[in-house]
Amino acid sequence: MKNPLISFVVLIFSIAVSVWPGAASAVASSLQSHADIRDTVSAFVRAQTQAMPGKVSIQVSDIDKRISLPACPVLEAFLPPGAQLSGNVSVGVRCASKHSWSLFVPVNIKNSVNMLTLNKTLRQGHIVRAEDIGILSSESLQAGTLSEPAQAIGKVMKFGVSSGQILRSDMLRAPYAITQGQSVNLQVRGSGFRVSAQGMALGNAAEGEPISARSASGQIVSGVVKGGAIEIIP
């Protein structure tokens, strides 16, 4: 005959084995997934940095495994006041439900951008060509720095710049469409009419820039360069 005490212990053990996996699963499902928190942070940072020039790389740190938080149906990422999405930053995640909690996750953000440099010394008035410029990779973009060759090619140097210098927008100007002393066509447009006359440019101007001219009668008029002519708005 079996010992009743042994049978009882075996029964209890069997029940524990059958119930424990479910209990463990229930406990796990009631806790917030660290992976979901990190995914929320990553999505937030990518959305906030998508308009940045260059290539942005994001590294979200692992969350301490000892941190246990109630599962949250709605996670909301946010940036602390004064924080900037550059370098090492902490991004907050809060639970927008009855289980209110918040957590800060360290994130490293690197932004690799291109900057245009000069392959040679360029003189004032030089028209920039593709072979004049090179590209330098950097993790910071200074104000006015150019990053695409198309931004410089065809532009004119305002002053001489030495080889190896970073090319900035204030070093360049658009080529003149009209130059001082040039004979130009003056166009006056209005509602239902258009009048053209000849005149002489009193300055230099690129397309879309303002300029003054002297008409054949000696009158000084002002307008905007458009299509190689001066358009005067009455």
Protein backbone atom coordinates (compact mmCIF):
# COMPACT_ATOMS: atom_id res chain seq x y z
CA MET A 1 0.00 0.00 0.00
CA LYS A 2 1.23 3.39 -0.86
CA ASN A 3 2.08 5.84 1.85
CA PRO A 4 -0.71 8.49 1.92
CA LEU A 5 1.77 11.23 2.82
CA ILE A 6 3.98 10.47 -0.19
CA SER A 7 0.93 10.42 -2.48
CA PHE A 8 -0.14 13.85 -1.17
CA VAL A 9 3.32 15.36 -1.77
CA VAL A 10 3.40 13.96 -5.30
CA LEU A 11 -0.04 15.43 -5.98
CA ILE A 12 0.96 18.89 -4.73
CA PHE A 13 4.18 18.77 -6.78
CA SER A 14 2.23 17.84 -9.92
CA ILE A 15 -0.19 20.72 -9.42
CA ALA A 16 2.68 23.17 -8.88
CA VAL A 17 4.44 22.02 -12.05
CA SER A 18 1.26 22.37 -14.10
CA VAL A 19 0.29 25.78 -12.68
CA TRP A 20 3.72 27.53 -12.46
CA PRO A 21 4.31 28.09 -16.22
CA GLY A 22 0.97 29.87 -16.50
CA ALA A 23 1.61 31.89 -13.38
CA ALA A 24 5.03 32.91 -14.65
CA SER A 25 3.50 33.90 -17.98
CA ALA A 26 0.83 35.96 -16.24
CA VAL A 27 3.44 37.80 -14.21
CA ALA A 28 5.53 38.47 -17.32
CA SER A 29 2.54 39.78 -19.26
CA SER A 30 1.71 42.21 -16.46
CA LEU A 31 5.14 43.84 -16.75
CA GLN A 32 6.16 46.39 -19.37
CA SER A 33 8.42 45.05 -22.12
CA HIS A 34 11.80 46.80 -22.16
CA ALA A 35 11.99 46.15 -25.91
CA ASP A 36 8.76 48.12 -26.45
CA ILE A 37 10.16 51.03 -24.45
CA ARG A 38 13.35 51.08 -26.52
CA ASP A 39 11.33 50.85 -29.76
CA THR A 40 9.22 53.82 -28.64
CA VAL A 41 12.36 55.86 -27.95
CA SER A 42 13.93 54.89 -31.27
CA ALA A 43 10.80 55.80 -33.26
CA PHE A 44 10.52 59.14 -31.46
CA VAL A 45 14.15 60.12 -32.11
CA ARG A 46 13.99 59.09 -35.78
CA ALA A 47 10.85 61.14 -36.31
CA GLN A 48 12.41 64.19 -34.64
CA THR A 49 15.68 63.97 -36.60
CA GLN A 50 14.38 63.05 -40.07
CA ALA A 51 14.66 66.65 -41.28
CA MET A 52 18.30 66.94 -40.24
CA PRO A 53 20.83 67.11 -43.09
CA GLY A 54 23.24 64.22 -43.49
CA LYS A 55 23.04 60.70 -42.09
CA VAL A 56 21.73 60.29 -38.54
CA SER A 57 22.68 57.21 -36.49
CA ILE A 58 20.85 56.37 -33.26
CA GLN A 59 21.93 54.02 -30.46
CA VAL A 60 19.40 53.42 -27.68
CA SER A 61 20.94 52.04 -24.47
CA ASP A 62 19.67 48.86 -22.83
CA ILE A 63 17.38 49.29 -19.84
CA ASP A 64 18.51 47.88 -16.49
CA LYS A 65 16.97 44.40 -16.20
CA ARG A 66 16.19 45.04 -12.54
CA ILE A 67 13.66 47.73 -13.52
CA SER A 68 10.12 46.32 -13.47
CA LEU A 69 7.21 48.51 -14.55
CA PRO A 70 3.49 47.74 -14.97
CA ALA A 71 2.52 46.97 -18.56
CA CYS A 72 1.22 50.09 -20.34
CA PRO A 73 -1.11 50.11 -23.37
CA VAL A 74 -0.01 53.59 -24.47
CA LEU A 75 3.67 54.61 -24.31
CA GLU A 76 4.59 58.24 -24.92
CA ALA A 77 8.15 59.47 -25.56
CA PHE A 78 9.20 63.02 -24.75
CA LEU A 79 12.27 65.23 -24.58
CA PRO A 80 13.09 66.98 -21.27
CA PRO A 81 13.05 70.83 -21.38
CA GLY A 82 16.26 72.24 -22.80
CA ALA A 83 17.49 68.90 -24.15
CA GLN A 84 18.66 68.66 -27.77
CA LEU A 85 18.74 65.61 -30.00
CA SER A 86 22.49 65.59 -30.43
CA GLY A 87 25.28 63.57 -28.83
CA ASN A 88 24.38 61.88 -25.55
CA VAL A 89 20.83 62.69 -24.43
CA SER A 90 18.18 61.13 -22.20
CA VAL A 91 14.77 60.59 -23.78
CA GLY A 92 11.80 60.17 -21.46
CA VAL A 93 9.05 57.57 -21.81
CA ARG A 94 5.86 57.79 -19.78
CA CYS A 95 2.80 55.63 -19.43
CA ALA A 96 -0.32 57.48 -20.58
CA SER A 97 -2.79 55.25 -18.67
CA LYS A 98 -3.90 54.50 -15.13
CA HIS A 99 -0.51 52.89 -14.41
CA SER A 100 1.35 56.18 -14.35
CA TRP A 101 5.13 55.92 -14.53
CA SER A 102 8.03 57.50 -16.39
CA LEU A 103 11.52 56.39 -17.31
CA PHE A 104 14.53 58.08 -18.93
CA VAL A 105 16.53 56.12 -21.48
CA PRO A 106 20.05 57.21 -22.56
CA VAL A 107 20.45 57.66 -26.32
CA ASN A 108 23.52 58.46 -28.40
CA ILE A 109 22.82 60.44 -31.59
CA LYS A 110 25.44 61.04 -34.27
CA ASN A 111 24.84 63.14 -37.36
CA SER A 112 27.32 62.62 -40.20
CA VAL A 113 27.14 65.50 -42.68
CA ASN A 114 29.09 66.53 -45.75
CA MET A 115 30.84 69.87 -46.01
CA LEU A 116 32.27 71.33 -49.21
CA THR A 117 35.96 72.25 -49.22
CA LEU A 118 38.15 73.90 -51.82
CA ASN A 119 40.64 71.72 -53.70
CA LYS A 120 42.54 74.80 -54.86
CA THR A 121 42.87 78.51 -54.15
CA LEU A 122 40.12 80.42 -55.97
CA ARG A 123 40.31 84.08 -56.93
CA GLN A 124 37.59 86.69 -56.66
CA GLY A 125 35.19 86.42 -59.61
CA HIS A 126 36.03 82.77 -60.30
CA ILE A 127 33.06 80.67 -61.40
CA VAL A 128 33.06 77.50 -59.28
CA ARG A 129 33.37 74.19 -61.15
CA ALA A 130 32.97 70.61 -59.97
CA GLU A 131 36.73 70.00 -59.92
CA ASP A 132 37.25 73.01 -57.63
CA ILE A 133 35.49 71.43 -54.67
CA GLY A 134 35.89 68.39 -52.42
CA ILE A 135 33.75 66.83 -49.68
CA LEU A 136 34.67 66.48 -46.01
CA SER A 137 32.61 64.39 -43.58
CA SER A 138 31.87 65.91 -40.18
CA GLU A 139 29.58 65.37 -37.18
CA SER A 140 28.59 69.04 -37.03
CA LEU A 141 27.35 71.48 -39.65
CA GLN A 142 28.29 75.10 -39.09
CA ALA A 143 25.88 77.86 -40.01
CA GLY A 144 26.13 78.77 -43.70
CA THR A 145 28.20 75.69 -44.57
CA LEU A 146 27.40 74.11 -47.92
CA SER A 147 26.84 70.36 -48.13
CA GLU A 148 25.90 69.67 -51.77
CA PRO A 149 28.06 70.44 -54.85
CA ALA A 150 24.98 71.79 -56.66
CA GLN A 151 24.86 74.59 -54.08
CA ALA A 152 28.22 75.93 -55.29
CA ILE A 153 28.76 74.91 -58.92
CA GLY A 154 28.09 77.84 -61.26
CA LYS A 155 28.26 80.42 -58.45
CA VAL A 156 30.85 83.20 -58.42
CA MET A 157 33.45 83.77 -55.69
CA LYS A 158 32.88 87.08 -53.91
CA PHE A 159 36.52 87.16 -52.80
CA GLY A 160 39.62 84.98 -52.93
CA VAL A 161 39.67 81.87 -50.71
CA SER A 162 42.63 79.58 -50.00
CA SER A 163 42.80 75.87 -50.79
CA GLY A 164 41.48 73.59 -48.04
CA GLN A 165 38.99 76.11 -46.65
CA ILE A 166 35.39 75.13 -45.87
CA LEU A 167 33.09 76.67 -48.48
CA ARG A 168 30.27 78.83 -47.07
CA SER A 169 27.30 80.47 -48.72
CA ASP A 170 28.55 83.98 -47.85
CA MET A 171 31.63 83.37 -50.05
CA LEU A 172 29.49 82.99 -53.17
CA ARG A 173 27.04 84.97 -55.25
CA ALA A 174 24.85 84.12 -58.18
CA PRO A 175 26.28 85.14 -61.58
CA TYR A 176 25.14 88.53 -62.79
CA ALA A 177 22.37 88.43 -65.36
CA ILE A 178 22.80 92.17 -66.01
CA THR A 179 25.93 94.27 -65.57
CA GLN A 180 26.42 98.00 -65.11
CA GLY A 181 26.32 99.99 -68.36
CA GLN A 182 24.60 97.17 -70.26
CA SER A 183 21.78 98.02 -72.64
CA VAL A 184 18.67 96.33 -71.26
CA ASN A 185 15.04 95.86 -72.09
CA LEU A 186 12.69 97.61 -69.66
CA GLN A 187 9.29 95.98 -69.30
CA VAL A 188 6.28 97.47 -67.59
CA ARG A 189 3.44 95.07 -66.89
CA GLY A 190 -0.01 95.95 -65.63
CA SER A 191 -3.55 94.72 -65.74
CA GLY A 192 -4.18 94.01 -69.41
CA PHE A 193 -1.15 95.83 -70.80
CA ARG A 194 2.59 95.45 -71.38
CA VAL A 195 5.05 98.18 -72.46
CA SER A 196 8.69 97.66 -73.46
CA ALA A 197 11.48 100.20 -73.86
CA GLN A 198 15.26 100.29 -73.93
CA GLY A 199 17.41 101.56 -71.12
CA MET A 200 20.85 101.26 -69.51
CA ALA A 201 21.59 99.31 -66.34
CA LEU A 202 23.02 101.36 -63.47
CA GLY A 203 24.38 98.38 -61.54
CA ASN A 204 25.00 94.65 -61.45
CA ALA A 205 22.29 92.17 -60.50
CA ALA A 206 21.56 88.45 -60.67
CA GLU A 207 18.26 86.90 -61.67
CA GLY A 208 15.54 87.97 -59.24
CA GLU A 209 17.56 90.80 -57.69
CA PRO A 210 16.54 94.48 -57.66
CA ILE A 211 18.28 96.92 -60.00
CA SER A 212 17.98 100.48 -61.29
CA ALA A 213 18.21 101.66 -64.89
CA ARG A 214 18.04 104.87 -66.92
CA SER A 215 15.43 104.99 -69.65
CA ALA A 216 16.05 106.56 -73.07
CA SER A 217 14.33 109.71 -71.82
CA GLY A 218 16.73 109.95 -68.87
CA GLN A 219 14.27 108.82 -66.22
CA ILE A 220 15.65 106.59 -63.44
CA VAL A 221 13.48 103.52 -62.88
CA SER A 222 13.77 100.51 -60.58
CA GLY A 223 12.73 96.93 -61.08
CA VAL A 224 13.70 93.29 -60.76
CA VAL A 225 15.83 91.21 -63.12
CA LYS A 226 13.66 88.64 -64.86
CA GLY A 227 14.73 86.62 -67.87
CA GLY A 228 17.58 89.01 -68.71
CA ALA A 229 15.30 92.06 -68.72
CA ILE A 230 14.24 94.51 -66.01
CA GLU A 231 10.62 94.15 -65.01
CA ILE A 232 9.21 97.38 -63.61
CA ILE A 233 6.12 97.23 -61.46
CA PRO A 234 4.05 100.41 -61.92
